[in-house]
Amino acid sequence: MAAGVLLMTSAVGLLLHNRAEDREAGESVDGLLPILRQEIAARESEAEEDWYMTLPGLEEEEEAEAAESEEETVMVDGYDYIGILTIPALGLELPVMADWDYTRLKIAPCRYTGSIETDDLTIAAHNYSRHFGRLKNLAGGEEVVFTDMEGNSTAYLVAETEILEPTAIGEMTGSGYPLSLFTCTYGGQTRVTVRCIYQ
């Protein structure tokens, strides 16, 4: 009897803890999005001014090409962000961190590997309701948009959803898809993985 009460108390405590983390994750997203949107708008405005102000010579063209190959980030509260991910079918707009670890995942989705430039971006997030908790509801054909910190938007379509084992790192990162999104199922036994192709 006492063991049953202890187990029930532990389960309720875990549920409350998970709900608190979910709420905090949503609050983080709400605080970060306006900052990133403002930074993207400022960078777009700067790019327009630079375009009107300069007629590049050969050396300047080479410098511009080198700058284009480097991914732009913006730092907020000590973390670098690479852009904003939008999934209209799920009503999601999410900041994406440049690097991942378990601390970062509690704040926002994170780049797991790859990039837009190399056509192999993989983004991981917790299964919080305001992160990737509803990823499993994507059936195929839904639009997904990634906007980088310079305001460049890349549109994708969901091609398929699959379930992978946690140890299937090669399958996760070497899929051949230009964009993959994944999250753990409840209990962490498998990974819901959404593969996207260019629109």
N, C-alpha and C. Protein backbone atom coordinates (compact mmCIF):
# COMPACT_ATOMS: atom_id res chain seq x y z
N MET A 1 0.83 -1.19 0.00
CA MET A 1 0.00 0.00 0.00
C MET A 1 0.88 1.26 0.00
N ALA A 2 1.85 1.29 0.92
CA ALA A 2 2.74 2.45 1.00
C ALA A 2 3.53 2.61 -0.29
N ALA A 3 3.95 1.49 -0.90
CA ALA A 3 4.69 1.56 -2.16
C ALA A 3 3.82 2.15 -3.27
N GLY A 4 2.55 1.78 -3.29
CA GLY A 4 1.63 2.32 -4.29
C GLY A 4 1.45 3.81 -4.14
N VAL A 5 1.31 4.28 -2.90
CA VAL A 5 1.17 5.72 -2.64
C VAL A 5 2.44 6.45 -3.05
N LEU A 6 3.60 5.86 -2.76
CA LEU A 6 4.88 6.47 -3.14
C LEU A 6 5.02 6.57 -4.66
N LEU A 7 4.64 5.49 -5.35
CA LEU A 7 4.70 5.51 -6.82
C LEU A 7 3.75 6.55 -7.41
N MET A 8 2.55 6.63 -6.85
CA MET A 8 1.57 7.61 -7.33
C MET A 8 2.07 9.03 -7.09
N THR A 9 2.63 9.28 -5.92
CA THR A 9 3.18 10.61 -5.59
C THR A 9 4.32 10.96 -6.54
N SER A 10 5.18 9.98 -6.82
CA SER A 10 6.30 10.21 -7.75
C SER A 10 5.79 10.52 -9.15
N ALA A 11 4.78 9.79 -9.59
CA ALA A 11 4.22 10.02 -10.93
C ALA A 11 3.62 11.41 -11.05
N VAL A 12 2.88 11.84 -10.02
CA VAL A 12 2.29 13.18 -10.02
C VAL A 12 3.39 14.23 -10.02
N GLY A 13 4.43 14.00 -9.21
CA GLY A 13 5.56 14.94 -9.17
C GLY A 13 6.25 15.06 -10.52
N LEU A 14 6.45 13.93 -11.20
CA LEU A 14 7.07 13.94 -12.52
C LEU A 14 6.19 14.66 -13.54
N LEU A 15 4.89 14.42 -13.48
CA LEU A 15 3.96 15.09 -14.38
C LEU A 15 4.01 16.61 -14.18
N LEU A 16 3.99 17.05 -12.94
CA LEU A 16 4.05 18.49 -12.65
C LEU A 16 5.37 19.09 -13.11
N HIS A 17 6.45 18.35 -12.91
CA HIS A 17 7.77 18.82 -13.36
C HIS A 17 7.80 18.98 -14.88
N ASN A 18 7.28 17.97 -15.60
CA ASN A 18 7.26 18.03 -17.06
C ASN A 18 6.40 19.18 -17.57
N ARG A 19 5.26 19.41 -16.93
CA ARG A 19 4.40 20.53 -17.33
C ARG A 19 5.08 21.87 -17.09
N ALA A 20 5.82 21.97 -15.98
CA ALA A 20 6.55 23.22 -15.70
C ALA A 20 7.62 23.46 -16.75
N GLU A 21 8.36 22.41 -17.14
CA GLU A 21 9.37 22.55 -18.18
C GLU A 21 8.74 22.94 -19.51
N ASP A 22 7.60 22.34 -19.83
CA ASP A 22 6.88 22.65 -21.07
C ASP A 22 6.47 24.13 -21.08
N ARG A 23 5.93 24.62 -19.97
CA ARG A 23 5.52 26.02 -19.86
C ARG A 23 6.72 26.96 -20.01
N GLU A 24 7.83 26.62 -19.35
CA GLU A 24 9.04 27.45 -19.45
C GLU A 24 9.57 27.48 -20.88
N ALA A 25 9.50 26.35 -21.58
CA ALA A 25 9.95 26.30 -22.97
C ALA A 25 9.10 27.22 -23.84
N GLY A 26 7.79 27.23 -23.62
CA GLY A 26 6.91 28.12 -24.36
C GLY A 26 7.21 29.58 -24.08
N GLU A 27 7.49 29.90 -22.83
CA GLU A 27 7.83 31.27 -22.46
C GLU A 27 9.15 31.69 -23.11
N SER A 28 10.11 30.77 -23.19
CA SER A 28 11.38 31.07 -23.85
C SER A 28 11.16 31.42 -25.31
N VAL A 29 10.34 30.62 -25.99
CA VAL A 29 10.03 30.87 -27.40
C VAL A 29 9.39 32.24 -27.55
N ASP A 30 8.41 32.55 -26.71
CA ASP A 30 7.71 33.84 -26.79
C ASP A 30 8.67 35.01 -26.59
N GLY A 31 9.66 34.85 -25.73
CA GLY A 31 10.62 35.92 -25.50
C GLY A 31 11.66 36.06 -26.60
N LEU A 32 12.04 34.94 -27.21
CA LEU A 32 13.10 34.95 -28.21
C LEU A 32 12.64 35.42 -29.59
N LEU A 33 11.45 35.04 -30.01
CA LEU A 33 11.00 35.35 -31.37
C LEU A 33 11.03 36.83 -31.71
N PRO A 34 10.52 37.73 -30.86
CA PRO A 34 10.58 39.15 -31.23
C PRO A 34 12.01 39.66 -31.40
N ILE A 35 12.93 39.15 -30.59
CA ILE A 35 14.33 39.56 -30.69
C ILE A 35 14.91 39.12 -32.02
N LEU A 36 14.67 37.86 -32.39
CA LEU A 36 15.20 37.35 -33.65
C LEU A 36 14.56 38.02 -34.86
N ARG A 37 13.24 38.25 -34.81
CA ARG A 37 12.57 38.95 -35.92
C ARG A 37 13.16 40.34 -36.11
N GLN A 38 13.40 41.05 -35.00
CA GLN A 38 13.97 42.39 -35.07
C GLN A 38 15.38 42.35 -35.65
N GLU A 39 16.17 41.38 -35.25
CA GLU A 39 17.53 41.24 -35.77
C GLU A 39 17.52 40.92 -37.26
N ILE A 40 16.62 40.05 -37.69
CA ILE A 40 16.52 39.72 -39.12
C ILE A 40 16.13 40.97 -39.91
N ALA A 41 15.16 41.73 -39.43
CA ALA A 41 14.73 42.95 -40.12
C ALA A 41 15.88 43.96 -40.22
N ALA A 42 16.66 44.09 -39.15
CA ALA A 42 17.78 45.03 -39.15
C ALA A 42 18.84 44.59 -40.16
N ARG A 43 19.10 43.31 -40.23
CA ARG A 43 20.11 42.81 -41.17
C ARG A 43 19.63 42.94 -42.61
N GLU A 44 18.35 42.75 -42.85
CA GLU A 44 17.81 42.94 -44.20
C GLU A 44 17.95 44.39 -44.62
N SER A 45 17.67 45.31 -43.70
CA SER A 45 17.78 46.73 -43.97
C SER A 45 19.23 47.11 -44.27
N GLU A 46 20.17 46.58 -43.49
CA GLU A 46 21.59 46.84 -43.72
C GLU A 46 22.02 46.33 -45.09
N ALA A 47 21.57 45.15 -45.46
CA ALA A 47 21.93 44.56 -46.75
C ALA A 47 21.44 45.44 -47.89
N GLU A 48 20.22 45.99 -47.77
CA GLU A 48 19.69 46.87 -48.81
C GLU A 48 20.53 48.13 -48.91
N GLU A 49 20.91 48.72 -47.77
CA GLU A 49 21.75 49.92 -47.78
C GLU A 49 23.10 49.64 -48.40
N ASP A 50 23.71 48.51 -48.04
CA ASP A 50 25.02 48.15 -48.59
C ASP A 50 24.94 47.98 -50.10
N TRP A 51 23.84 47.41 -50.59
CA TRP A 51 23.70 47.17 -52.01
C TRP A 51 23.67 48.49 -52.77
N TYR A 52 22.95 49.48 -52.25
CA TYR A 52 22.86 50.78 -52.91
C TYR A 52 24.15 51.58 -52.79
N MET A 53 24.90 51.38 -51.73
CA MET A 53 26.08 52.20 -51.45
C MET A 53 27.35 51.72 -52.13
N THR A 54 27.40 50.48 -52.60
CA THR A 54 28.66 49.96 -53.14
C THR A 54 28.47 49.36 -54.51
N LEU A 55 29.45 49.54 -55.33
CA LEU A 55 29.58 48.82 -56.59
C LEU A 55 30.88 48.05 -56.47
N PRO A 56 30.81 46.78 -56.10
CA PRO A 56 32.02 46.04 -55.76
C PRO A 56 32.96 45.84 -56.93
N GLY A 57 34.26 45.98 -56.62
CA GLY A 57 35.31 45.60 -57.57
C GLY A 57 35.58 44.12 -57.38
N LEU A 58 36.57 43.59 -58.06
CA LEU A 58 36.86 42.17 -58.00
C LEU A 58 37.17 41.71 -56.58
N GLU A 59 38.03 42.45 -55.85
CA GLU A 59 38.38 42.05 -54.49
C GLU A 59 37.16 42.07 -53.58
N GLU A 60 36.32 43.10 -53.73
CA GLU A 60 35.13 43.20 -52.90
C GLU A 60 34.16 42.05 -53.21
N GLU A 61 34.08 41.64 -54.50
CA GLU A 61 33.22 40.52 -54.85
C GLU A 61 33.69 39.24 -54.18
N GLU A 62 35.02 39.03 -54.15
CA GLU A 62 35.55 37.84 -53.50
C GLU A 62 35.26 37.87 -52.00
N GLU A 63 35.40 39.05 -51.38
CA GLU A 63 35.10 39.18 -49.96
C GLU A 63 33.61 38.91 -49.70
N ALA A 64 32.75 39.41 -50.59
CA ALA A 64 31.31 39.20 -50.43
C ALA A 64 30.97 37.72 -50.54
N GLU A 65 31.61 37.01 -51.51
CA GLU A 65 31.35 35.57 -51.65
C GLU A 65 31.80 34.81 -50.41
N ALA A 66 32.95 35.19 -49.84
CA ALA A 66 33.44 34.53 -48.63
C ALA A 66 32.49 34.79 -47.47
N ALA A 67 31.97 36.02 -47.38
CA ALA A 67 31.04 36.36 -46.29
C ALA A 67 29.74 35.58 -46.44
N GLU A 68 29.29 35.38 -47.70
CA GLU A 68 28.04 34.66 -47.93
C GLU A 68 28.14 33.20 -47.50
N SER A 69 29.35 32.62 -47.59
CA SER A 69 29.49 31.22 -47.24
C SER A 69 29.50 31.00 -45.73
N GLU A 70 29.71 32.05 -44.96
CA GLU A 70 29.68 31.93 -43.51
C GLU A 70 28.25 32.15 -43.02
N GLU A 71 27.81 31.26 -42.18
CA GLU A 71 26.45 31.34 -41.65
C GLU A 71 26.36 32.44 -40.60
N GLU A 72 25.37 33.29 -40.76
CA GLU A 72 25.15 34.37 -39.81
C GLU A 72 24.41 33.85 -38.59
N THR A 73 24.81 34.32 -37.43
CA THR A 73 24.12 33.98 -36.18
C THR A 73 23.89 35.26 -35.39
N VAL A 74 23.03 35.17 -34.41
CA VAL A 74 22.85 36.26 -33.48
C VAL A 74 22.86 35.66 -32.07
N MET A 75 23.54 36.34 -31.16
CA MET A 75 23.63 35.84 -29.79
C MET A 75 22.57 36.50 -28.92
N VAL A 76 21.82 35.67 -28.20
CA VAL A 76 20.82 36.14 -27.25
C VAL A 76 21.03 35.37 -25.95
N ASP A 77 21.24 36.09 -24.88
CA ASP A 77 21.43 35.46 -23.56
C ASP A 77 22.53 34.41 -23.57
N GLY A 78 23.59 34.66 -24.32
CA GLY A 78 24.74 33.75 -24.33
C GLY A 78 24.65 32.59 -25.29
N TYR A 79 23.59 32.51 -26.09
CA TYR A 79 23.42 31.41 -27.05
C TYR A 79 23.29 31.96 -28.46
N ASP A 80 23.94 31.29 -29.42
CA ASP A 80 23.84 31.69 -30.82
C ASP A 80 22.62 31.04 -31.47
N TYR A 81 21.94 31.82 -32.30
CA TYR A 81 20.76 31.36 -33.05
C TYR A 81 21.03 31.51 -34.54
N ILE A 82 20.53 30.54 -35.33
CA ILE A 82 20.75 30.57 -36.78
C ILE A 82 19.51 30.98 -37.56
N GLY A 83 18.35 31.04 -36.92
CA GLY A 83 17.16 31.45 -37.65
C GLY A 83 15.87 31.05 -36.97
N ILE A 84 14.80 31.07 -37.77
CA ILE A 84 13.44 30.77 -37.28
C ILE A 84 12.83 29.69 -38.16
N LEU A 85 12.26 28.67 -37.53
CA LEU A 85 11.57 27.60 -38.21
C LEU A 85 10.07 27.81 -38.06
N THR A 86 9.34 27.73 -39.17
CA THR A 86 7.89 27.93 -39.15
C THR A 86 7.20 26.69 -39.72
N ILE A 87 6.23 26.17 -38.98
CA ILE A 87 5.42 25.03 -39.44
C ILE A 87 3.96 25.47 -39.31
N PRO A 88 3.41 26.11 -40.36
CA PRO A 88 2.05 26.66 -40.27
C PRO A 88 0.98 25.63 -39.89
N ALA A 89 1.08 24.41 -40.38
CA ALA A 89 0.06 23.40 -40.09
C ALA A 89 -0.05 23.09 -38.60
N LEU A 90 1.03 23.32 -37.86
CA LEU A 90 1.03 23.09 -36.41
C LEU A 90 0.95 24.40 -35.63
N GLY A 91 0.87 25.53 -36.34
CA GLY A 91 0.82 26.83 -35.67
C GLY A 91 2.11 27.12 -34.91
N LEU A 92 3.25 26.66 -35.45
CA LEU A 92 4.53 26.83 -34.76
C LEU A 92 5.44 27.81 -35.47
N GLU A 93 6.07 28.65 -34.70
CA GLU A 93 7.15 29.51 -35.15
C GLU A 93 8.19 29.43 -34.04
N LEU A 94 9.39 28.93 -34.37
CA LEU A 94 10.36 28.58 -33.34
C LEU A 94 11.75 29.12 -33.65
N PRO A 95 12.42 29.69 -32.66
CA PRO A 95 13.82 30.05 -32.84
C PRO A 95 14.65 28.77 -32.91
N VAL A 96 15.76 28.81 -33.66
CA VAL A 96 16.62 27.63 -33.77
C VAL A 96 18.03 28.02 -33.34
N MET A 97 18.53 27.32 -32.32
CA MET A 97 19.89 27.56 -31.83
C MET A 97 20.92 26.96 -32.79
N ALA A 98 22.13 27.55 -32.78
CA ALA A 98 23.19 27.11 -33.68
C ALA A 98 23.76 25.75 -33.28
N ASP A 99 23.79 25.46 -32.00
CA ASP A 99 24.37 24.22 -31.50
C ASP A 99 23.41 23.57 -30.52
N TRP A 100 23.62 22.29 -30.26
CA TRP A 100 22.70 21.60 -29.37
C TRP A 100 23.44 21.00 -28.17
N ASP A 101 22.75 20.95 -27.09
CA ASP A 101 23.07 20.15 -25.92
C ASP A 101 21.78 20.10 -25.11
N TYR A 102 21.77 19.33 -24.04
CA TYR A 102 20.51 19.14 -23.31
C TYR A 102 20.03 20.41 -22.63
N THR A 103 20.93 21.29 -22.24
CA THR A 103 20.53 22.57 -21.65
C THR A 103 19.84 23.43 -22.69
N ARG A 104 20.44 23.54 -23.89
CA ARG A 104 19.86 24.35 -24.96
C ARG A 104 18.49 23.81 -25.39
N LEU A 105 18.35 22.48 -25.45
CA LEU A 105 17.08 21.89 -25.90
C LEU A 105 15.92 22.27 -24.99
N LYS A 106 16.20 22.62 -23.74
CA LYS A 106 15.12 23.03 -22.84
C LYS A 106 14.63 24.44 -23.16
N ILE A 107 15.42 25.18 -23.94
CA ILE A 107 15.08 26.56 -24.28
C ILE A 107 14.41 26.65 -25.65
N ALA A 108 15.02 26.00 -26.64
CA ALA A 108 14.54 26.12 -28.02
C ALA A 108 15.04 24.93 -28.84
N PRO A 109 14.43 24.71 -30.02
CA PRO A 109 14.98 23.71 -30.93
C PRO A 109 16.43 24.08 -31.29
N CYS A 110 17.21 23.06 -31.63
CA CYS A 110 18.64 23.25 -31.90
C CYS A 110 19.05 22.56 -33.20
N ARG A 111 20.04 23.16 -33.85
CA ARG A 111 20.63 22.46 -34.99
C ARG A 111 21.39 21.25 -34.43
N TYR A 112 21.08 20.08 -34.94
CA TYR A 112 21.75 18.86 -34.53
C TYR A 112 22.99 18.65 -35.39
N THR A 113 22.81 18.76 -36.71
CA THR A 113 23.93 18.71 -37.66
C THR A 113 23.54 19.47 -38.91
N GLY A 114 24.53 19.70 -39.79
CA GLY A 114 24.29 20.24 -41.12
C GLY A 114 23.96 21.72 -41.16
N SER A 115 23.55 22.15 -42.34
CA SER A 115 23.19 23.56 -42.55
C SER A 115 22.33 23.69 -43.80
N ILE A 116 21.76 24.87 -43.96
CA ILE A 116 20.99 25.18 -45.17
C ILE A 116 21.93 25.14 -46.38
N GLU A 117 23.13 25.70 -46.22
CA GLU A 117 24.08 25.79 -47.33
C GLU A 117 24.48 24.43 -47.87
N THR A 118 24.56 23.43 -47.01
CA THR A 118 25.01 22.10 -47.45
C THR A 118 23.84 21.14 -47.69
N ASP A 119 22.61 21.66 -47.65
CA ASP A 119 21.40 20.87 -47.94
C ASP A 119 21.25 19.65 -47.05
N ASP A 120 21.57 19.81 -45.76
CA ASP A 120 21.47 18.66 -44.86
C ASP A 120 21.20 19.09 -43.41
N LEU A 121 20.37 20.11 -43.26
CA LEU A 121 20.08 20.63 -41.93
C LEU A 121 19.19 19.66 -41.15
N THR A 122 19.63 19.31 -39.95
CA THR A 122 18.83 18.47 -39.05
C THR A 122 18.60 19.26 -37.77
N ILE A 123 17.33 19.40 -37.38
CA ILE A 123 16.96 20.17 -36.19
C ILE A 123 16.30 19.25 -35.18
N ALA A 124 16.76 19.34 -33.95
CA ALA A 124 16.21 18.53 -32.85
C ALA A 124 15.49 19.44 -31.87
N ALA A 125 14.45 18.91 -31.23
CA ALA A 125 13.75 19.66 -30.19
C ALA A 125 13.09 18.67 -29.24
N HIS A 126 12.81 19.13 -28.03
CA HIS A 126 12.07 18.30 -27.09
C HIS A 126 10.63 18.14 -27.57
N ASN A 127 9.94 17.19 -26.98
CA ASN A 127 8.55 16.97 -27.36
C ASN A 127 7.59 17.83 -26.52
N TYR A 128 8.06 19.00 -26.11
CA TYR A 128 7.18 19.97 -25.46
C TYR A 128 6.10 20.39 -26.45
N SER A 129 4.94 20.77 -25.94
CA SER A 129 3.85 21.16 -26.83
C SER A 129 4.20 22.36 -27.69
N ARG A 130 5.02 23.28 -27.18
CA ARG A 130 5.40 24.47 -27.94
C ARG A 130 6.66 24.25 -28.78
N HIS A 131 7.27 23.07 -28.69
CA HIS A 131 8.41 22.73 -29.54
C HIS A 131 7.95 21.70 -30.56
N PHE A 132 8.44 20.46 -30.50
CA PHE A 132 8.11 19.46 -31.51
C PHE A 132 7.15 18.39 -31.00
N GLY A 133 6.39 18.68 -29.97
CA GLY A 133 5.48 17.70 -29.39
C GLY A 133 4.41 17.19 -30.34
N ARG A 134 4.05 18.00 -31.35
CA ARG A 134 3.00 17.58 -32.30
C ARG A 134 3.57 17.20 -33.67
N LEU A 135 4.87 17.03 -33.73
CA LEU A 135 5.53 16.69 -35.00
C LEU A 135 4.92 15.44 -35.63
N LYS A 136 4.53 14.50 -34.80
CA LYS A 136 3.96 13.23 -35.30
C LYS A 136 2.67 13.43 -36.06
N ASN A 137 2.04 14.60 -35.94
CA ASN A 137 0.77 14.88 -36.62
C ASN A 137 0.96 15.29 -38.09
N LEU A 138 2.21 15.50 -38.51
CA LEU A 138 2.46 15.86 -39.91
C LEU A 138 2.38 14.60 -40.76
N ALA A 139 1.51 14.62 -41.75
CA ALA A 139 1.26 13.42 -42.55
C ALA A 139 1.99 13.44 -43.89
N GLY A 140 2.34 14.61 -44.37
CA GLY A 140 2.99 14.75 -45.67
C GLY A 140 2.33 15.84 -46.48
N GLY A 141 3.15 16.65 -47.15
CA GLY A 141 2.65 17.74 -47.97
C GLY A 141 2.56 19.07 -47.27
N GLU A 142 2.73 19.11 -45.93
CA GLU A 142 2.65 20.37 -45.20
C GLU A 142 3.91 21.22 -45.47
N GLU A 143 3.72 22.53 -45.44
CA GLU A 143 4.83 23.45 -45.66
C GLU A 143 5.63 23.65 -44.38
N VAL A 144 6.95 23.74 -44.55
CA VAL A 144 7.87 24.07 -43.47
C VAL A 144 8.81 25.13 -44.03
N VAL A 145 9.05 26.22 -43.29
CA VAL A 145 9.90 27.30 -43.78
C VAL A 145 11.01 27.57 -42.76
N PHE A 146 12.24 27.67 -43.25
CA PHE A 146 13.35 28.08 -42.41
C PHE A 146 13.83 29.44 -42.90
N THR A 147 13.88 30.42 -41.99
CA THR A 147 14.36 31.77 -42.31
C THR A 147 15.66 31.99 -41.56
N ASP A 148 16.74 32.25 -42.31
CA ASP A 148 18.03 32.46 -41.64
C ASP A 148 18.12 33.87 -41.09
N MET A 149 19.22 34.19 -40.42
CA MET A 149 19.35 35.47 -39.74
C MET A 149 19.53 36.65 -40.69
N GLU A 150 19.70 36.38 -42.00
CA GLU A 150 19.77 37.46 -42.98
C GLU A 150 18.43 37.66 -43.67
N GLY A 151 17.41 36.89 -43.26
CA GLY A 151 16.08 37.05 -43.84
C GLY A 151 15.81 36.18 -45.04
N ASN A 152 16.73 35.29 -45.39
CA ASN A 152 16.52 34.39 -46.52
C ASN A 152 15.63 33.23 -46.07
N SER A 153 14.51 33.04 -46.75
CA SER A 153 13.58 31.97 -46.40
C SER A 153 13.69 30.83 -47.40
N THR A 154 13.74 29.62 -46.87
CA THR A 154 13.76 28.41 -47.69
C THR A 154 12.51 27.62 -47.36
N ALA A 155 11.71 27.32 -48.39
CA ALA A 155 10.45 26.61 -48.19
C ALA A 155 10.62 25.13 -48.52
N TYR A 156 10.04 24.31 -47.67
CA TYR A 156 10.09 22.86 -47.82
C TYR A 156 8.67 22.30 -47.76
N LEU A 157 8.55 21.04 -48.14
CA LEU A 157 7.32 20.28 -47.95
C LEU A 157 7.66 19.01 -47.19
N VAL A 158 6.79 18.61 -46.28
CA VAL A 158 7.00 17.36 -45.56
C VAL A 158 6.85 16.21 -46.56
N ALA A 159 7.89 15.38 -46.65
CA ALA A 159 7.88 14.24 -47.57
C ALA A 159 7.43 12.97 -46.87
N GLU A 160 7.90 12.77 -45.64
CA GLU A 160 7.53 11.57 -44.90
C GLU A 160 7.84 11.75 -43.42
N THR A 161 7.18 10.95 -42.62
CA THR A 161 7.44 10.87 -41.19
C THR A 161 7.82 9.44 -40.88
N GLU A 162 8.90 9.27 -40.14
CA GLU A 162 9.34 7.92 -39.79
C GLU A 162 9.73 7.86 -38.32
N ILE A 163 9.80 6.67 -37.80
CA ILE A 163 10.22 6.44 -36.42
C ILE A 163 11.59 5.78 -36.46
N LEU A 164 12.56 6.37 -35.77
CA LEU A 164 13.91 5.84 -35.73
C LEU A 164 14.29 5.47 -34.30
N GLU A 165 15.19 4.53 -34.20
CA GLU A 165 15.75 4.16 -32.89
C GLU A 165 16.71 5.26 -32.44
N PRO A 166 16.90 5.43 -31.14
CA PRO A 166 17.83 6.46 -30.65
C PRO A 166 19.26 6.25 -31.13
N THR A 167 19.62 5.01 -31.45
CA THR A 167 20.98 4.72 -31.89
C THR A 167 21.18 4.90 -33.40
N ALA A 168 20.14 5.25 -34.14
CA ALA A 168 20.20 5.34 -35.61
C ALA A 168 20.72 6.71 -36.04
N ILE A 169 21.92 7.05 -35.58
CA ILE A 169 22.51 8.37 -35.88
C ILE A 169 22.78 8.52 -37.38
N GLY A 170 23.35 7.49 -38.01
CA GLY A 170 23.64 7.56 -39.43
C GLY A 170 22.39 7.77 -40.27
N GLU A 171 21.31 7.08 -39.91
CA GLU A 171 20.06 7.24 -40.64
C GLU A 171 19.48 8.63 -40.43
N MET A 172 19.69 9.17 -39.23
CA MET A 172 19.17 10.51 -38.93
C MET A 172 19.89 11.57 -39.74
N THR A 173 21.21 11.52 -39.74
CA THR A 173 22.00 12.60 -40.32
C THR A 173 22.37 12.37 -41.79
N GLY A 174 22.33 11.14 -42.25
CA GLY A 174 22.71 10.87 -43.63
C GLY A 174 21.55 10.48 -44.50
N SER A 175 20.44 11.15 -44.32
CA SER A 175 19.19 10.76 -45.00
C SER A 175 19.14 11.18 -46.46
N GLY A 176 19.90 12.19 -46.84
CA GLY A 176 19.81 12.73 -48.19
C GLY A 176 18.73 13.79 -48.35
N TYR A 177 17.95 14.03 -47.29
CA TYR A 177 16.93 15.08 -47.33
C TYR A 177 17.57 16.42 -46.95
N PRO A 178 17.11 17.53 -47.56
CA PRO A 178 17.69 18.83 -47.22
C PRO A 178 17.31 19.32 -45.82
N LEU A 179 16.20 18.81 -45.25
CA LEU A 179 15.80 19.21 -43.90
C LEU A 179 15.16 18.02 -43.19
N SER A 180 15.65 17.76 -41.98
CA SER A 180 15.06 16.74 -41.12
C SER A 180 14.77 17.35 -39.76
N LEU A 181 13.64 17.01 -39.18
CA LEU A 181 13.24 17.48 -37.85
C LEU A 181 12.98 16.25 -37.00
N PHE A 182 13.45 16.26 -35.73
CA PHE A 182 13.15 15.10 -34.91
C PHE A 182 12.99 15.45 -33.44
N THR A 183 12.26 14.57 -32.76
CA THR A 183 12.03 14.68 -31.33
C THR A 183 11.85 13.29 -30.75
N CYS A 184 12.01 13.18 -29.45
CA CYS A 184 11.80 11.89 -28.77
C CYS A 184 10.31 11.62 -28.63
N THR A 185 9.96 10.36 -28.63
CA THR A 185 8.62 9.98 -28.22
C THR A 185 8.60 10.03 -26.69
N TYR A 186 7.42 9.99 -26.09
CA TYR A 186 7.35 9.99 -24.63
C TYR A 186 8.06 8.74 -24.12
N GLY A 187 8.90 8.92 -23.12
CA GLY A 187 9.69 7.83 -22.59
C GLY A 187 11.04 7.71 -23.27
N GLY A 188 11.24 8.41 -24.38
CA GLY A 188 12.53 8.43 -25.06
C GLY A 188 12.92 7.16 -25.77
N GLN A 189 11.96 6.27 -26.05
CA GLN A 189 12.29 4.98 -26.66
C GLN A 189 12.63 5.10 -28.14
N THR A 190 12.00 6.03 -28.86
CA THR A 190 12.23 6.20 -30.29
C THR A 190 12.23 7.68 -30.64
N ARG A 191 12.53 7.99 -31.91
CA ARG A 191 12.56 9.37 -32.38
C ARG A 191 11.56 9.55 -33.52
N VAL A 192 10.62 10.48 -33.36
CA VAL A 192 9.74 10.86 -34.46
C VAL A 192 10.57 11.76 -35.37
N THR A 193 10.67 11.38 -36.63
CA THR A 193 11.54 12.08 -37.58
C THR A 193 10.75 12.51 -38.80
N VAL A 194 10.79 13.79 -39.11
CA VAL A 194 10.07 14.33 -40.27
C VAL A 194 11.11 14.73 -41.31
N ARG A 195 10.95 14.20 -42.52
CA ARG A 195 11.84 14.49 -43.63
C ARG A 195 11.18 15.49 -44.57
N CYS A 196 11.94 16.48 -45.00
CA CYS A 196 11.39 17.53 -45.86
C CYS A 196 12.19 17.67 -47.14
N ILE A 197 11.47 17.97 -48.22
CA ILE A 197 12.09 18.24 -49.52
C ILE A 197 11.83 19.70 -49.88
N TYR A 198 12.57 20.21 -50.85
CA TYR A 198 12.35 21.59 -51.28
C TYR A 198 10.97 21.73 -51.93
N GLN A 199 10.35 22.88 -51.68
CA GLN A 199 9.03 23.14 -52.26
C GLN A 199 9.18 23.58 -53.69
